[in-house]
Amino acid sequence: MCRCHPRGRHRLVEMFKDLLLKECFRTKVTWKNATRGGWRGWYMWTDLQSLEQCLPLLDGMPQAVSESEAYLLLGRFFDALLGRYAAR
């Protein structure tokens, strides 16, 4: 997403947001040895409200003029989202 041409980032950012909300936050798995009742995802480290509050931090990525700037924006998103968990 960061290496993509700035014009193509908008679609990738929207796809990433959708993936985070629908697939990464909380997913039921059917593996035989699944732990936590078969639930997996980011819900173990953050709550849905925090995720939704942090998603707008990704909105600046399509306007990033360089790959470095895009990486900084992505880093800010992950820092805001998972920083509280890491601090604990």
N, C-alpha and C. Protein backbone atom coordinates (compact mmCIF):
# COMPACT_ATOMS: atom_id res chain seq x y z
N MET A 1 0.83 -1.18 0.00
CA MET A 1 0.00 0.00 0.00
C MET A 1 0.88 1.26 0.00
N CYS A 2 1.97 1.22 0.73
CA CYS A 2 2.85 2.40 0.79
C CYS A 2 3.65 2.57 -0.49
N ARG A 3 3.98 1.49 -1.14
CA ARG A 3 4.79 1.57 -2.36
C ARG A 3 3.97 1.86 -3.60
N CYS A 4 2.69 1.76 -3.48
CA CYS A 4 1.79 2.00 -4.61
C CYS A 4 1.85 3.47 -5.03
N HIS A 5 1.63 3.72 -6.29
CA HIS A 5 1.56 5.10 -6.79
C HIS A 5 0.45 5.82 -6.03
N PRO A 6 0.65 7.08 -5.67
CA PRO A 6 -0.36 7.80 -4.89
C PRO A 6 -1.78 7.72 -5.46
N ARG A 7 -1.92 7.67 -6.78
CA ARG A 7 -3.27 7.60 -7.36
C ARG A 7 -3.94 6.27 -7.05
N GLY A 8 -3.17 5.21 -6.87
CA GLY A 8 -3.75 3.91 -6.59
C GLY A 8 -3.96 3.63 -5.11
N ARG A 9 -3.44 4.48 -4.26
CA ARG A 9 -3.53 4.25 -2.82
C ARG A 9 -4.94 4.36 -2.27
N HIS A 10 -5.75 5.24 -2.85
CA HIS A 10 -7.10 5.45 -2.31
C HIS A 10 -7.87 4.13 -2.26
N ARG A 11 -7.86 3.40 -3.35
CA ARG A 11 -8.59 2.13 -3.38
C ARG A 11 -7.99 1.13 -2.39
N LEU A 12 -6.67 1.07 -2.33
CA LEU A 12 -6.03 0.15 -1.40
C LEU A 12 -6.33 0.49 0.05
N VAL A 13 -6.36 1.78 0.35
CA VAL A 13 -6.67 2.21 1.72
C VAL A 13 -8.10 1.79 2.08
N GLU A 14 -9.04 1.98 1.17
CA GLU A 14 -10.43 1.60 1.44
C GLU A 14 -10.55 0.08 1.59
N MET A 15 -9.83 -0.67 0.78
CA MET A 15 -9.84 -2.13 0.89
C MET A 15 -9.24 -2.57 2.23
N PHE A 16 -8.15 -1.90 2.66
CA PHE A 16 -7.50 -2.21 3.92
C PHE A 16 -8.44 -1.94 5.10
N LYS A 17 -9.13 -0.81 5.08
CA LYS A 17 -10.08 -0.47 6.13
C LYS A 17 -11.17 -1.54 6.22
N ASP A 18 -11.70 -1.93 5.07
CA ASP A 18 -12.75 -2.94 5.02
C ASP A 18 -12.24 -4.27 5.58
N LEU A 19 -11.03 -4.64 5.20
CA LEU A 19 -10.42 -5.87 5.69
C LEU A 19 -10.26 -5.84 7.21
N LEU A 20 -9.81 -4.72 7.74
CA LEU A 20 -9.64 -4.60 9.18
C LEU A 20 -10.96 -4.79 9.92
N LEU A 21 -12.00 -4.14 9.41
CA LEU A 21 -13.30 -4.21 10.08
C LEU A 21 -13.98 -5.56 9.93
N LYS A 22 -13.90 -6.16 8.75
CA LYS A 22 -14.67 -7.38 8.48
C LYS A 22 -13.92 -8.67 8.71
N GLU A 23 -12.61 -8.67 8.53
CA GLU A 23 -11.87 -9.93 8.61
C GLU A 23 -10.87 -9.97 9.76
N CYS A 24 -10.22 -8.85 10.03
CA CYS A 24 -9.13 -8.87 11.01
C CYS A 24 -9.59 -8.63 12.44
N PHE A 25 -10.67 -7.87 12.63
CA PHE A 25 -11.03 -7.52 14.00
C PHE A 25 -11.45 -8.75 14.79
N ARG A 26 -12.37 -9.52 14.26
CA ARG A 26 -12.83 -10.73 14.95
C ARG A 26 -13.33 -11.71 13.91
N THR A 27 -12.73 -12.89 13.90
CA THR A 27 -13.06 -13.90 12.90
C THR A 27 -13.19 -15.25 13.58
N LYS A 28 -14.19 -16.00 13.19
CA LYS A 28 -14.36 -17.36 13.71
C LYS A 28 -13.61 -18.31 12.79
N VAL A 29 -12.77 -19.15 13.38
CA VAL A 29 -12.02 -20.14 12.60
C VAL A 29 -12.53 -21.54 12.94
N THR A 30 -12.31 -22.45 12.04
CA THR A 30 -12.83 -23.81 12.23
C THR A 30 -11.70 -24.82 12.44
N TRP A 31 -10.51 -24.36 12.72
CA TRP A 31 -9.39 -25.26 12.92
C TRP A 31 -9.64 -26.15 14.13
N LYS A 32 -9.17 -27.38 14.04
CA LYS A 32 -9.34 -28.33 15.13
C LYS A 32 -8.70 -27.84 16.42
N ASN A 33 -7.53 -27.25 16.32
CA ASN A 33 -6.80 -26.83 17.52
C ASN A 33 -6.98 -25.34 17.81
N ALA A 34 -8.07 -24.76 17.36
CA ALA A 34 -8.31 -23.33 17.60
C ALA A 34 -8.50 -23.07 19.09
N THR A 35 -7.88 -22.00 19.55
CA THR A 35 -8.02 -21.62 20.96
C THR A 35 -9.03 -20.49 21.07
N ARG A 36 -9.33 -20.09 22.27
CA ARG A 36 -10.27 -19.00 22.56
C ARG A 36 -11.64 -19.24 21.90
N GLY A 37 -12.08 -20.48 21.92
CA GLY A 37 -13.39 -20.81 21.36
C GLY A 37 -13.46 -20.68 19.85
N GLY A 38 -12.32 -20.64 19.20
CA GLY A 38 -12.30 -20.51 17.74
C GLY A 38 -12.28 -19.08 17.25
N TRP A 39 -12.28 -18.11 18.16
CA TRP A 39 -12.25 -16.70 17.75
C TRP A 39 -10.81 -16.22 17.67
N ARG A 40 -10.52 -15.48 16.63
CA ARG A 40 -9.19 -14.90 16.44
C ARG A 40 -9.37 -13.46 15.99
N GLY A 41 -8.32 -12.68 16.13
CA GLY A 41 -8.38 -11.32 15.59
C GLY A 41 -7.83 -10.27 16.53
N TRP A 42 -7.91 -9.05 16.05
CA TRP A 42 -7.37 -7.91 16.77
C TRP A 42 -8.18 -7.55 18.00
N TYR A 43 -9.38 -8.12 18.16
CA TYR A 43 -10.20 -7.79 19.31
C TYR A 43 -9.48 -8.14 20.61
N MET A 44 -8.46 -9.01 20.52
CA MET A 44 -7.70 -9.38 21.71
C MET A 44 -6.80 -8.24 22.18
N TRP A 45 -6.52 -7.28 21.31
CA TRP A 45 -5.60 -6.19 21.65
C TRP A 45 -6.27 -4.82 21.67
N THR A 46 -7.39 -4.69 21.02
CA THR A 46 -8.06 -3.39 20.96
C THR A 46 -9.56 -3.61 20.85
N ASP A 47 -10.32 -2.56 21.01
CA ASP A 47 -11.77 -2.69 20.88
C ASP A 47 -12.22 -2.06 19.56
N LEU A 48 -13.42 -2.40 19.15
CA LEU A 48 -13.93 -1.95 17.86
C LEU A 48 -14.05 -0.42 17.79
N GLN A 49 -14.43 0.20 18.88
CA GLN A 49 -14.55 1.66 18.90
C GLN A 49 -13.19 2.31 18.65
N SER A 50 -12.15 1.80 19.26
CA SER A 50 -10.81 2.35 19.04
C SER A 50 -10.38 2.17 17.59
N LEU A 51 -10.67 1.00 17.02
CA LEU A 51 -10.34 0.76 15.62
C LEU A 51 -11.05 1.77 14.73
N GLU A 52 -12.34 1.95 14.95
CA GLU A 52 -13.11 2.90 14.14
C GLU A 52 -12.60 4.33 14.30
N GLN A 53 -12.14 4.68 15.50
CA GLN A 53 -11.61 6.03 15.72
C GLN A 53 -10.27 6.23 15.03
N CYS A 54 -9.49 5.16 14.88
CA CYS A 54 -8.16 5.26 14.27
C CYS A 54 -8.19 5.18 12.75
N LEU A 55 -9.22 4.60 12.16
CA LEU A 55 -9.27 4.44 10.71
C LEU A 55 -9.10 5.75 9.94
N PRO A 56 -9.65 6.88 10.40
CA PRO A 56 -9.44 8.13 9.66
C PRO A 56 -7.97 8.54 9.53
N LEU A 57 -7.10 8.00 10.39
CA LEU A 57 -5.68 8.31 10.27
C LEU A 57 -5.09 7.81 8.95
N LEU A 58 -5.76 6.85 8.34
CA LEU A 58 -5.31 6.32 7.05
C LEU A 58 -5.75 7.17 5.87
N ASP A 59 -6.67 8.09 6.10
CA ASP A 59 -7.24 8.88 5.01
C ASP A 59 -6.23 9.76 4.29
N GLY A 60 -5.14 10.11 4.94
CA GLY A 60 -4.13 10.95 4.32
C GLY A 60 -3.18 10.19 3.41
N MET A 61 -3.23 8.86 3.45
CA MET A 61 -2.28 8.08 2.65
C MET A 61 -2.38 8.33 1.14
N PRO A 62 -3.58 8.45 0.57
CA PRO A 62 -3.63 8.69 -0.88
C PRO A 62 -2.96 10.01 -1.29
N GLN A 63 -2.90 10.99 -0.39
CA GLN A 63 -2.28 12.27 -0.71
C GLN A 63 -0.78 12.30 -0.39
N ALA A 64 -0.27 11.25 0.22
CA ALA A 64 1.16 11.21 0.55
C ALA A 64 1.98 11.34 -0.73
N VAL A 65 2.94 12.23 -0.72
CA VAL A 65 3.71 12.50 -1.94
C VAL A 65 4.90 11.57 -2.09
N SER A 66 5.21 10.79 -1.06
CA SER A 66 6.33 9.87 -1.16
C SER A 66 6.02 8.59 -0.40
N GLU A 67 6.78 7.57 -0.69
CA GLU A 67 6.64 6.30 0.01
C GLU A 67 6.94 6.49 1.50
N SER A 68 7.94 7.30 1.80
CA SER A 68 8.32 7.56 3.20
C SER A 68 7.17 8.20 3.97
N GLU A 69 6.52 9.15 3.36
CA GLU A 69 5.39 9.81 4.02
C GLU A 69 4.25 8.82 4.24
N ALA A 70 4.00 7.94 3.28
CA ALA A 70 2.96 6.94 3.43
C ALA A 70 3.28 6.00 4.58
N TYR A 71 4.55 5.59 4.70
CA TYR A 71 4.95 4.74 5.82
C TYR A 71 4.77 5.45 7.16
N LEU A 72 5.06 6.73 7.23
CA LEU A 72 4.85 7.49 8.46
C LEU A 72 3.38 7.50 8.86
N LEU A 73 2.52 7.71 7.89
CA LEU A 73 1.07 7.73 8.17
C LEU A 73 0.59 6.36 8.64
N LEU A 74 1.06 5.31 8.00
CA LEU A 74 0.68 3.96 8.40
C LEU A 74 1.20 3.67 9.81
N GLY A 75 2.41 4.11 10.11
CA GLY A 75 2.97 3.94 11.45
C GLY A 75 2.17 4.67 12.51
N ARG A 76 1.71 5.86 12.20
CA ARG A 76 0.88 6.61 13.14
C ARG A 76 -0.43 5.87 13.43
N PHE A 77 -0.99 5.27 12.38
CA PHE A 77 -2.22 4.49 12.55
C PHE A 77 -1.99 3.34 13.53
N PHE A 78 -0.95 2.53 13.28
CA PHE A 78 -0.69 1.39 14.15
C PHE A 78 -0.29 1.82 15.55
N ASP A 79 0.43 2.91 15.68
CA ASP A 79 0.81 3.42 17.00
C ASP A 79 -0.43 3.83 17.78
N ALA A 80 -1.34 4.55 17.13
CA ALA A 80 -2.57 4.98 17.80
C ALA A 80 -3.45 3.78 18.16
N LEU A 81 -3.51 2.81 17.26
CA LEU A 81 -4.40 1.67 17.48
C LEU A 81 -3.87 0.72 18.54
N LEU A 82 -2.61 0.39 18.48
CA LEU A 82 -2.06 -0.63 19.35
C LEU A 82 -1.14 -0.10 20.45
N GLY A 83 -0.93 1.21 20.47
CA GLY A 83 -0.04 1.81 21.45
C GLY A 83 -0.47 1.60 22.88
N ARG A 84 -1.76 1.68 23.14
CA ARG A 84 -2.25 1.49 24.50
C ARG A 84 -2.01 0.05 24.97
N TYR A 85 -2.23 -0.89 24.07
CA TYR A 85 -1.99 -2.30 24.43
C TYR A 85 -0.50 -2.52 24.70
N ALA A 86 0.34 -1.96 23.86
CA ALA A 86 1.79 -2.12 24.02
C ALA A 86 2.26 -1.50 25.33
N ALA A 87 1.67 -0.40 25.72
CA ALA A 87 2.06 0.26 26.97
C ALA A 87 1.70 -0.58 28.19
N ARG A 88 0.65 -1.37 28.07
CA ARG A 88 0.27 -2.24 29.21
C ARG A 88 1.29 -3.33 29.36
